[in-house]
Structure formats: structure tokens, C-alpha cells
Amino acid sequence: MSNEVVRFELRRQSDDLVYSFVRARRPDGSSGFKRADGDYWIVWKPDWGWVAWDEPSHSCMGRPWNVLPAQQGPAPPEGDWVSRKGAKSYVYSLVHLD
């Protein structure tokens, strides 16, 4: 049995909306987690740790709230995550499924 995280969900706390992610190979050959409903990724960035990263704008769109990059492991950490979309911010719970 492996402890490798293959899937997780981000569950929005304000309205229970759920986004599902699965480990996948990115176009550049690196590994990340792709959202099931579109080309949205959570990736590892050396200076940031695990983040929802927007490549075109080179900006962080979401990240763990309480876990610093140095404390993060080989998968996005469970717990509270925050995101921003324009002028709005959301709080999610990240839950590992495997």
C-alpha cells in the first residue's frame, strides 16, 4: 500500500462547491495535480510550495493557509487553503482521497 496522494478535493467552505484534482504529467514534463473540469493545476514552486499557479500571469491564485513551503511534503497539504479570483477570495478545505 502506497501513501502517495493521487487524488484530492478542494471543498469550498462557503457553499460546499467541490473541485476534484488528480495527479498528472504537465506539458513541461513535471508532475502536478490537474482539476477535473478544466486546465487548472496545483503545482510545486520552489519559492512558494504547493500553489494554484496561473502560468500566463505568473501569479499565485491559491495556496495553503497554515503550512509554510518548508513544512510541505510531496503532495499539497490537507487543511485550509485560500484562493483569489479577481476581487473575491474563498476558503477551501483540501482533503486527500487516496
PDB file of N, CA and C in Angstrom:
ATOM      1  N   MET A   1       0.846  -1.185   0.000  1.00  0.00           N
ATOM      2  CA  MET A   1       0.000   0.000   0.000  1.00  0.00           C
ATOM      3  C   MET A   1       0.892   1.249   0.000  1.00  0.00           C
ATOM      4  N   SER A   2       0.565   2.192  -0.864  1.00  0.00           N
ATOM      5  CA  SER A   2       1.360   3.405  -1.007  1.00  0.00           C
ATOM      6  C   SER A   2       0.694   4.570  -0.287  1.00  0.00           C
ATOM      7  N   ASN A   3       1.517   5.462   0.236  1.00  0.00           N
ATOM      8  CA  ASN A   3       0.991   6.678   0.853  1.00  0.00           C
ATOM      9  C   ASN A   3       0.965   7.832  -0.139  1.00  0.00           C
ATOM     10  N   GLU A   4       1.271   7.544  -1.418  1.00  0.00           N
ATOM     11  CA  GLU A   4       1.291   8.584  -2.425  1.00  0.00           C
ATOM     12  C   GLU A   4      -0.120   9.126  -2.652  1.00  0.00           C
ATOM     13  N   VAL A   5      -0.248  10.432  -2.627  1.00  0.00           N
ATOM     14  CA  VAL A   5      -1.536  11.068  -2.901  1.00  0.00           C
ATOM     15  C   VAL A   5      -1.737  11.108  -4.409  1.00  0.00           C
ATOM     16  N   VAL A   6      -2.834  10.552  -4.864  1.00  0.00           N
ATOM     17  CA  VAL A   6      -3.164  10.533  -6.283  1.00  0.00           C
ATOM     18  C   VAL A   6      -4.325  11.485  -6.581  1.00  0.00           C
ATOM     19  N   ARG A   7      -5.238  11.607  -5.626  1.00  0.00           N
ATOM     20  CA  ARG A   7      -6.421  12.449  -5.820  1.00  0.00           C
ATOM     21  C   ARG A   7      -6.711  13.240  -4.545  1.00  0.00           C
ATOM     22  N   PHE A   8      -7.288  14.405  -4.731  1.00  0.00           N
ATOM     23  CA  PHE A   8      -7.789  15.163  -3.587  1.00  0.00           C
ATOM     24  C   PHE A   8      -8.926  16.065  -4.036  1.00  0.00           C
ATOM     25  N   GLU A   9      -9.632  16.612  -3.071  1.00  0.00           N
ATOM     26  CA  GLU A   9     -10.700  17.555  -3.349  1.00  0.00           C
ATOM     27  C   GLU A   9     -10.432  18.860  -2.618  1.00  0.00           C
ATOM     28  N   LEU A  10     -10.817  19.953  -3.253  1.00  0.00           N
ATOM     29  CA  LEU A  10     -10.896  21.256  -2.602  1.00  0.00           C
ATOM     30  C   LEU A  10     -12.378  21.527  -2.399  1.00  0.00           C
ATOM     31  N   ARG A  11     -12.788  21.652  -1.153  1.00  0.00           N
ATOM     32  CA  ARG A  11     -14.200  21.847  -0.797  1.00  0.00           C
ATOM     33  C   ARG A  11     -14.378  23.271  -0.282  1.00  0.00           C
ATOM     34  N   ARG A  12     -15.114  24.076  -1.046  1.00  0.00           N
ATOM     35  CA  ARG A  12     -15.298  25.475  -0.680  1.00  0.00           C
ATOM     36  C   ARG A  12     -16.195  25.567   0.548  1.00  0.00           C
ATOM     37  N   GLN A  13     -15.717  26.248   1.566  1.00  0.00           N
ATOM     38  CA  GLN A  13     -16.410  26.276   2.847  1.00  0.00           C
ATOM     39  C   GLN A  13     -17.684  27.109   2.821  1.00  0.00           C
ATOM     40  N   SER A  14     -17.776  28.096   1.956  1.00  0.00           N
ATOM     41  CA  SER A  14     -18.945  28.982   1.957  1.00  0.00           C
ATOM     42  C   SER A  14     -20.191  28.348   1.359  1.00  0.00           C
ATOM     43  N   ASP A  15     -20.015  27.399   0.419  1.00  0.00           N
ATOM     44  CA  ASP A  15     -21.192  26.837  -0.251  1.00  0.00           C
ATOM     45  C   ASP A  15     -21.059  25.356  -0.620  1.00  0.00           C
ATOM     46  N   ASP A  16     -20.017  24.687  -0.137  1.00  0.00           N
ATOM     47  CA  ASP A  16     -19.801  23.253  -0.365  1.00  0.00           C
ATOM     48  C   ASP A  16     -19.521  22.874  -1.818  1.00  0.00           C
ATOM     49  N   LEU A  17     -19.162  23.822  -2.664  1.00  0.00           N
ATOM     50  CA  LEU A  17     -18.719  23.501  -4.015  1.00  0.00           C
ATOM     51  C   LEU A  17     -17.446  22.663  -3.909  1.00  0.00           C
ATOM     52  N   VAL A  18     -17.324  21.627  -4.742  1.00  0.00           N
ATOM     53  CA  VAL A  18     -16.171  20.727  -4.678  1.00  0.00           C
ATOM     54  C   VAL A  18     -15.458  20.698  -6.024  1.00  0.00           C
ATOM     55  N   TYR A  19     -14.146  20.867  -5.987  1.00  0.00           N
ATOM     56  CA  TYR A  19     -13.293  20.688  -7.153  1.00  0.00           C
ATOM     57  C   TYR A  19     -12.432  19.455  -6.911  1.00  0.00           C
ATOM     58  N   SER A  20     -12.380  18.553  -7.898  1.00  0.00           N
ATOM     59  CA  SER A  20     -11.583  17.329  -7.804  1.00  0.00           C
ATOM     60  C   SER A  20     -10.306  17.482  -8.612  1.00  0.00           C
ATOM     61  N   PHE A  21      -9.206  16.988  -8.046  1.00  0.00           N
ATOM     62  CA  PHE A  21      -7.894  17.039  -8.690  1.00  0.00           C
ATOM     63  C   PHE A  21      -7.292  15.641  -8.729  1.00  0.00           C
ATOM     64  N   VAL A  22      -6.500  15.369  -9.765  1.00  0.00           N
ATOM     65  CA  VAL A  22      -5.799  14.092  -9.900  1.00  0.00           C
ATOM     66  C   VAL A  22      -4.362  14.368 -10.345  1.00  0.00           C
ATOM     67  N   ARG A  23      -3.442  13.544  -9.816  1.00  0.00           N
ATOM     68  CA  ARG A  23      -2.034  13.687 -10.202  1.00  0.00           C
ATOM     69  C   ARG A  23      -1.905  13.417 -11.703  1.00  0.00           C
ATOM     70  N   ALA A  24      -1.141  14.276 -12.392  1.00  0.00           N
ATOM     71  CA  ALA A  24      -0.973  14.146 -13.837  1.00  0.00           C
ATOM     72  C   ALA A  24       0.360  14.748 -14.256  1.00  0.00           C
ATOM     73  N   ARG A  25       0.785  14.382 -15.457  1.00  0.00           N
ATOM     74  CA  ARG A  25       2.015  14.921 -16.045  1.00  0.00           C
ATOM     75  C   ARG A  25       1.665  16.217 -16.766  1.00  0.00           C
ATOM     76  N   ARG A  26       2.418  17.260 -16.471  1.00  0.00           N
ATOM     77  CA  ARG A  26       2.184  18.553 -17.114  1.00  0.00           C
ATOM     78  C   ARG A  26       2.859  18.603 -18.482  1.00  0.00           C
ATOM     79  N   PRO A  27       2.446  19.529 -19.334  1.00  0.00           N
ATOM     80  CA  PRO A  27       3.063  19.625 -20.665  1.00  0.00           C
ATOM     81  C   PRO A  27       4.581  19.791 -20.630  1.00  0.00           C
ATOM     82  N   ASP A  28       5.113  20.403 -19.560  1.00  0.00           N
ATOM     83  CA  ASP A  28       6.567  20.591 -19.467  1.00  0.00           C
ATOM     84  C   ASP A  28       7.281  19.362 -18.895  1.00  0.00           C
ATOM     85  N   GLY A  29       6.530  18.288 -18.603  1.00  0.00           N
ATOM     86  CA  GLY A  29       7.111  17.052 -18.095  1.00  0.00           C
ATOM     87  C   GLY A  29       7.100  16.935 -16.590  1.00  0.00           C
ATOM     88  N   SER A  30       6.824  18.008 -15.879  1.00  0.00           N
ATOM     89  CA  SER A  30       6.765  17.946 -14.417  1.00  0.00           C
ATOM     90  C   SER A  30       5.439  17.320 -13.975  1.00  0.00           C
ATOM     91  N   SER A  31       5.369  16.983 -12.702  1.00  0.00           N
ATOM     92  CA  SER A  31       4.162  16.391 -12.141  1.00  0.00           C
ATOM     93  C   SER A  31       3.391  17.456 -11.382  1.00  0.00           C
ATOM     94  N   GLY A  32       2.081  17.365 -11.433  1.00  0.00           N
ATOM     95  CA  GLY A  32       1.224  18.278 -10.690  1.00  0.00           C
ATOM     96  C   GLY A  32      -0.128  17.636 -10.481  1.00  0.00           C
ATOM     97  N   PHE A  33      -1.095  18.416 -10.106  1.00  0.00           N
ATOM     98  CA  PHE A  33      -2.453  17.926  -9.894  1.00  0.00           C
ATOM     99  C   PHE A  33      -3.398  18.766 -10.745  1.00  0.00           C
ATOM    100  N   LYS A  34      -4.111  18.099 -11.667  1.00  0.00           N
ATOM    101  CA  LYS A  34      -4.979  18.772 -12.625  1.00  0.00           C
ATOM    102  C   LYS A  34      -6.425  18.693 -12.162  1.00  0.00           C
ATOM    103  N   ARG A  35      -7.121  19.818 -12.247  1.00  0.00           N
ATOM    104  CA  ARG A  35      -8.534  19.855 -11.883  1.00  0.00           C
ATOM    105  C   ARG A  35      -9.351  19.128 -12.945  1.00  0.00           C
ATOM    106  N   ALA A  36     -10.351  18.365 -12.508  1.00  0.00           N
ATOM    107  CA  ALA A  36     -11.132  17.514 -13.405  1.00  0.00           C
ATOM    108  C   ALA A  36     -11.921  18.296 -14.446  1.00  0.00           C
ATOM    109  N   ASP A  37     -12.308  19.529 -14.153  1.00  0.00           N
ATOM    110  CA  ASP A  37     -13.203  20.257 -15.048  1.00  0.00           C
ATOM    111  C   ASP A  37     -12.495  21.304 -15.914  1.00  0.00           C
ATOM    112  N   GLY A  38     -11.189  21.244 -16.003  1.00  0.00           N
ATOM    113  CA  GLY A  38     -10.511  22.219 -16.856  1.00  0.00           C
ATOM    114  C   GLY A  38      -9.009  22.167 -16.705  1.00  0.00           C
ATOM    115  N   ASP A  39      -8.346  23.065 -17.397  1.00  0.00           N
ATOM    116  CA  ASP A  39      -6.884  23.094 -17.399  1.00  0.00           C
ATOM    117  C   ASP A  39      -6.382  23.994 -16.264  1.00  0.00           C
ATOM    118  N   TYR A  40      -6.696  23.579 -15.034  1.00  0.00           N
ATOM    119  CA  TYR A  40      -6.279  24.287 -13.828  1.00  0.00           C
ATOM    120  C   TYR A  40      -5.403  23.338 -13.036  1.00  0.00           C
ATOM    121  N   TRP A  41      -4.276  23.845 -12.533  1.00  0.00           N
ATOM    122  CA  TRP A  41      -3.277  22.991 -11.909  1.00  0.00           C
ATOM    123  C   TRP A  41      -2.875  23.491 -10.530  1.00  0.00           C
ATOM    124  N   ILE A  42      -2.566  22.545  -9.664  1.00  0.00           N
ATOM    125  CA  ILE A  42      -1.844  22.836  -8.427  1.00  0.00           C
ATOM    126  C   ILE A  42      -0.480  22.206  -8.604  1.00  0.00           C
ATOM    127  N   VAL A  43       0.546  23.038  -8.469  1.00  0.00           N
ATOM    128  CA  VAL A  43       1.918  22.628  -8.784  1.00  0.00           C
ATOM    129  C   VAL A  43       2.855  23.031  -7.655  1.00  0.00           C
ATOM    130  N   TRP A  44       4.036  22.437  -7.659  1.00  0.00           N
ATOM    131  CA  TRP A  44       5.089  22.784  -6.705  1.00  0.00           C
ATOM    132  C   TRP A  44       5.959  23.879  -7.311  1.00  0.00           C
ATOM    133  N   LYS A  45       6.121  24.962  -6.587  1.00  0.00           N
ATOM    134  CA  LYS A  45       7.035  26.041  -6.963  1.00  0.00           C
ATOM    135  C   LYS A  45       8.055  26.166  -5.835  1.00  0.00           C
ATOM    136  N   PRO A  46       9.358  26.118  -6.136  1.00  0.00           N
ATOM    137  CA  PRO A  46      10.382  26.119  -5.082  1.00  0.00           C
ATOM    138  C   PRO A  46      10.234  27.230  -4.038  1.00  0.00           C
ATOM    139  N   ASP A  47       9.893  28.430  -4.453  1.00  0.00           N
ATOM    140  CA  ASP A  47       9.781  29.538  -3.504  1.00  0.00           C
ATOM    141  C   ASP A  47       8.411  29.631  -2.829  1.00  0.00           C
ATOM    142  N   TRP A  48       7.432  28.929  -3.357  1.00  0.00           N
ATOM    143  CA  TRP A  48       6.056  29.051  -2.890  1.00  0.00           C
ATOM    144  C   TRP A  48       5.524  27.783  -2.228  1.00  0.00           C
ATOM    145  N   GLY A  49       6.075  26.621  -2.551  1.00  0.00           N
ATOM    146  CA  GLY A  49       5.477  25.349  -2.137  1.00  0.00           C
ATOM    147  C   GLY A  49       4.370  24.989  -3.109  1.00  0.00           C
ATOM    148  N   TRP A  50       3.367  24.253  -2.635  1.00  0.00           N
ATOM    149  CA  TRP A  50       2.229  23.862  -3.468  1.00  0.00           C
ATOM    150  C   TRP A  50       1.288  25.046  -3.618  1.00  0.00           C
ATOM    151  N   VAL A  51       0.966  25.376  -4.866  1.00  0.00           N
ATOM    152  CA  VAL A  51       0.092  26.516  -5.149  1.00  0.00           C
ATOM    153  C   VAL A  51      -0.769  26.244  -6.375  1.00  0.00           C
ATOM    154  N   ALA A  52      -1.903  26.929  -6.429  1.00  0.00           N
ATOM    155  CA  ALA A  52      -2.666  27.032  -7.678  1.00  0.00           C
ATOM    156  C   ALA A  52      -1.990  28.159  -8.446  1.00  0.00           C
ATOM    157  N   TRP A  53      -1.322  27.801  -9.546  1.00  0.00           N
ATOM    158  CA  TRP A  53      -0.463  28.756 -10.251  1.00  0.00           C
ATOM    159  C   TRP A  53      -1.028  29.060 -11.624  1.00  0.00           C
ATOM    160  N   ASP A  54      -1.109  30.333 -11.953  1.00  0.00           N
ATOM    161  CA  ASP A  54      -1.551  30.760 -13.270  1.00  0.00           C
ATOM    162  C   ASP A  54      -0.312  31.077 -14.109  1.00  0.00           C
ATOM    163  N   GLU A  55      -0.002  30.184 -15.051  1.00  0.00           N
ATOM    164  CA  GLU A  55       1.210  30.347 -15.864  1.00  0.00           C
ATOM    165  C   GLU A  55       1.196  31.628 -16.702  1.00  0.00           C
ATOM    166  N   PRO A  56       0.085  31.949 -17.389  1.00  0.00           N
ATOM    167  CA  PRO A  56       0.135  33.155 -18.233  1.00  0.00           C
ATOM    168  C   PRO A  56       0.490  34.431 -17.463  1.00  0.00           C
ATOM    169  N   SER A  57      -0.019  34.574 -16.248  1.00  0.00           N
ATOM    170  CA  SER A  57       0.264  35.798 -15.482  1.00  0.00           C
ATOM    171  C   SER A  57       1.395  35.613 -14.472  1.00  0.00           C
ATOM    172  N   HIS A  58       1.913  34.381 -14.361  1.00  0.00           N
ATOM    173  CA  HIS A  58       2.958  34.053 -13.383  1.00  0.00           C
ATOM    174  C   HIS A  58       2.550  34.497 -11.981  1.00  0.00           C
ATOM    175  N   SER A  59       1.326  34.106 -11.598  1.00  0.00           N
ATOM    176  CA  SER A  59       0.836  34.531 -10.283  1.00  0.00           C
ATOM    177  C   SER A  59       0.158  33.387  -9.536  1.00  0.00           C
ATOM    178  N   CYS A  60       0.209  33.509  -8.229  1.00  0.00           N
ATOM    179  CA  CYS A  60      -0.405  32.542  -7.330  1.00  0.00           C
ATOM    180  C   CYS A  60      -1.891  32.859  -7.204  1.00  0.00           C
ATOM    181  N   MET A  61      -2.726  31.851  -7.465  1.00  0.00           N
ATOM    182  CA  MET A  61      -4.174  32.033  -7.380  1.00  0.00           C
ATOM    183  C   MET A  61      -4.763  31.330  -6.157  1.00  0.00           C
ATOM    184  N   GLY A  62      -3.957  30.505  -5.472  1.00  0.00           N
ATOM    185  CA  GLY A  62      -4.414  29.820  -4.273  1.00  0.00           C
ATOM    186  C   GLY A  62      -3.251  29.121  -3.607  1.00  0.00           C
ATOM    187  N   ARG A  63      -3.367  28.969  -2.263  1.00  0.00           N
ATOM    188  CA  ARG A  63      -2.258  28.346  -1.524  1.00  0.00           C
ATOM    189  C   ARG A  63      -2.738  27.891  -0.150  1.00  0.00           C
ATOM    190  N   PRO A  64      -1.948  27.013   0.502  1.00  0.00           N
ATOM    191  CA  PRO A  64      -2.291  26.602   1.862  1.00  0.00           C
ATOM    192  C   PRO A  64      -2.251  27.803   2.803  1.00  0.00           C
ATOM    193  N   TRP A  65      -3.134  27.819   3.745  1.00  0.00           N
ATOM    194  CA  TRP A  65      -3.212  28.938   4.684  1.00  0.00           C
ATOM    195  C   TRP A  65      -2.214  28.790   5.827  1.00  0.00           C
ATOM    196  N   ASN A  66      -2.077  27.577   6.383  1.00  0.00           N
ATOM    197  CA  ASN A  66      -1.311  27.388   7.617  1.00  0.00           C
ATOM    198  C   ASN A  66      -0.033  26.578   7.478  1.00  0.00           C
ATOM    199  N   VAL A  67       0.338  26.161   6.278  1.00  0.00           N
ATOM    200  CA  VAL A  67       1.508  25.295   6.114  1.00  0.00           C
ATOM    201  C   VAL A  67       2.531  25.999   5.223  1.00  0.00           C
ATOM    202  N   LEU A  68       3.665  26.355   5.817  1.00  0.00           N
ATOM    203  CA  LEU A  68       4.722  27.034   5.078  1.00  0.00           C
ATOM    204  C   LEU A  68       5.387  26.079   4.084  1.00  0.00           C
ATOM    205  N   PRO A  69       5.969  26.598   2.987  1.00  0.00           N
ATOM    206  CA  PRO A  69       6.592  25.726   1.993  1.00  0.00           C
ATOM    207  C   PRO A  69       7.586  24.723   2.573  1.00  0.00           C
ATOM    208  N   ALA A  70       8.399  25.118   3.527  1.00  0.00           N
ATOM    209  CA  ALA A  70       9.410  24.222   4.111  1.00  0.00           C
ATOM    210  C   ALA A  70       8.773  23.062   4.875  1.00  0.00           C
ATOM    211  N   GLN A  71       7.513  23.197   5.253  1.00  0.00           N
ATOM    212  CA  GLN A  71       6.818  22.151   6.010  1.00  0.00           C
ATOM    213  C   GLN A  71       5.938  21.276   5.116  1.00  0.00           C
ATOM    214  N   GLN A  72       5.919  21.550   3.817  1.00  0.00           N
ATOM    215  CA  GLN A  72       5.065  20.797   2.899  1.00  0.00           C
ATOM    216  C   GLN A  72       5.786  19.562   2.378  1.00  0.00           C
ATOM    217  N   GLY A  73       5.031  18.513   2.132  1.00  0.00           N
ATOM    218  CA  GLY A  73       5.593  17.261   1.651  1.00  0.00           C
ATOM    219  C   GLY A  73       5.423  17.085   0.150  1.00  0.00           C
ATOM    220  N   PRO A  74       5.377  15.819  -0.292  1.00  0.00           N
ATOM    221  CA  PRO A  74       5.331  15.516  -1.722  1.00  0.00           C
ATOM    222  C   PRO A  74       3.957  15.709  -2.364  1.00  0.00           C
ATOM    223  N   ALA A  75       2.980  16.178  -1.606  1.00  0.00           N
ATOM    224  CA  ALA A  75       1.647  16.462  -2.145  1.00  0.00           C
ATOM    225  C   ALA A  75       1.094  17.690  -1.439  1.00  0.00           C
ATOM    226  N   PRO A  76       0.145  18.370  -2.063  1.00  0.00           N
ATOM    227  CA  PRO A  76      -0.455  19.527  -1.412  1.00  0.00           C
ATOM    228  C   PRO A  76      -1.000  19.159  -0.037  1.00  0.00           C
ATOM    229  N   PRO A  77      -0.733  19.964   0.975  1.00  0.00           N
ATOM    230  CA  PRO A  77      -1.140  19.607   2.338  1.00  0.00           C
ATOM    231  C   PRO A  77      -2.642  19.741   2.561  1.00  0.00           C
ATOM    232  N   GLU A  78      -3.154  18.825   3.372  1.00  0.00           N
ATOM    233  CA  GLU A  78      -4.556  18.905   3.767  1.00  0.00           C
ATOM    234  C   GLU A  78      -4.753  20.111   4.674  1.00  0.00           C
ATOM    235  N   GLY A  79      -5.999  20.575   4.743  1.00  0.00           N
ATOM    236  CA  GLY A  79      -6.331  21.696   5.611  1.00  0.00           C
ATOM    237  C   GLY A  79      -6.859  22.872   4.823  1.00  0.00           C
ATOM    238  N   ASP A  80      -6.830  24.027   5.458  1.00  0.00           N
ATOM    239  CA  ASP A  80      -7.378  25.238   4.845  1.00  0.00           C
ATOM    240  C   ASP A  80      -6.483  25.760   3.729  1.00  0.00           C
ATOM    241  N   TRP A  81      -7.117  26.105   2.627  1.00  0.00           N
ATOM    242  CA  TRP A  81      -6.480  26.775   1.500  1.00  0.00           C
ATOM    243  C   TRP A  81      -7.263  28.034   1.214  1.00  0.00           C
ATOM    244  N   VAL A  82      -6.588  29.043   0.710  1.00  0.00           N
ATOM    245  CA  VAL A  82      -7.249  30.280   0.290  1.00  0.00           C
ATOM    246  C   VAL A  82      -6.982  30.493  -1.195  1.00  0.00           C
ATOM    247  N   SER A  83      -7.951  31.118  -1.850  1.00  0.00           N
ATOM    248  CA  SER A  83      -7.789  31.417  -3.271  1.00  0.00           C
ATOM    249  C   SER A  83      -8.295  32.820  -3.550  1.00  0.00           C
ATOM    250  N   ARG A  84      -7.920  33.304  -4.704  1.00  0.00           N
ATOM    251  CA  ARG A  84      -8.464  34.584  -5.135  1.00  0.00           C
ATOM    252  C   ARG A  84      -8.855  34.479  -6.601  1.00  0.00           C
ATOM    253  N   LYS A  85      -9.932  35.131  -6.921  1.00  0.00           N
ATOM    254  CA  LYS A  85     -10.394  35.206  -8.300  1.00  0.00           C
ATOM    255  C   LYS A  85     -10.907  36.631  -8.481  1.00  0.00           C
ATOM    256  N   GLY A  86     -10.116  37.446  -9.132  1.00  0.00           N
ATOM    257  CA  GLY A  86     -10.471  38.855  -9.243  1.00  0.00           C
ATOM    258  C   GLY A  86     -10.495  39.484  -7.854  1.00  0.00           C
ATOM    259  N   ALA A  87     -11.595  40.139  -7.532  1.00  0.00           N
ATOM    260  CA  ALA A  87     -11.724  40.803  -6.237  1.00  0.00           C
ATOM    261  C   ALA A  87     -12.245  39.875  -5.148  1.00  0.00           C
ATOM    262  N   LYS A  88     -12.524  38.618  -5.468  1.00  0.00           N
ATOM    263  CA  LYS A  88     -13.093  37.685  -4.491  1.00  0.00           C
ATOM    264  C   LYS A  88     -12.033  36.721  -3.974  1.00  0.00           C
ATOM    265  N   SER A  89     -12.189  36.349  -2.722  1.00  0.00           N
ATOM    266  CA  SER A  89     -11.349  35.315  -2.107  1.00  0.00           C
ATOM    267  C   SER A  89     -12.252  34.241  -1.527  1.00  0.00           C
ATOM    268  N   TYR A  90     -11.757  33.009  -1.496  1.00  0.00           N
ATOM    269  CA  TYR A  90     -12.509  31.889  -0.955  1.00  0.00           C
ATOM    270  C   TYR A  90     -11.620  31.075  -0.035  1.00  0.00           C
ATOM    271  N   VAL A  91     -12.238  30.379   0.907  1.00  0.00           N
ATOM    272  CA  VAL A  91     -11.543  29.435   1.780  1.00  0.00           C
ATOM    273  C   VAL A  91     -12.051  28.040   1.434  1.00  0.00           C
ATOM    274  N   TYR A  92     -11.104  27.124   1.256  1.00  0.00           N
ATOM    275  CA  TYR A  92     -11.412  25.730   0.916  1.00  0.00           C
ATOM    276  C   TYR A  92     -10.794  24.813   1.969  1.00  0.00           C
ATOM    277  N   SER A  93     -11.325  23.604   2.052  1.00  0.00           N
ATOM    278  CA  SER A  93     -10.684  22.522   2.793  1.00  0.00           C
ATOM    279  C   SER A  93     -10.138  21.548   1.764  1.00  0.00           C
ATOM    280  N   LEU A  94      -8.819  21.293   1.818  1.00  0.00           N
ATOM    281  CA  LEU A  94      -8.224  20.307   0.935  1.00  0.00           C
ATOM    282  C   LEU A  94      -8.224  18.972   1.658  1.00  0.00           C
ATOM    283  N   VAL A  95      -8.778  17.947   1.000  1.00  0.00           N
ATOM    284  CA  VAL A  95      -8.922  16.612   1.590  1.00  0.00           C
ATOM    285  C   VAL A  95      -8.326  15.588   0.627  1.00  0.00           C
ATOM    286  N   HIS A  96      -7.325  14.815   1.092  1.00  0.00           N
ATOM    287  CA  HIS A  96      -6.750  13.735   0.296  1.00  0.00           C
ATOM    288  C   HIS A  96      -7.753  12.592   0.196  1.00  0.00           C
ATOM    289  N   LEU A  97      -7.866  11.978  -0.986  1.00  0.00           N
ATOM    290  CA  LEU A  97      -8.801  10.879  -1.189  1.00  0.00           C
ATOM    291  C   LEU A  97      -8.099   9.533  -1.234  1.00  0.00           C
ATOM    292  N   ASP A  98      -6.821   9.467  -1.554  1.00  0.00           N
ATOM    293  CA  ASP A  98      -6.058   8.204  -1.520  1.00  0.00           C
ATOM    294  C   ASP A  98      -4.759   8.463  -0.807  1.00  0.00           C
TER     295      ASP A  98
END
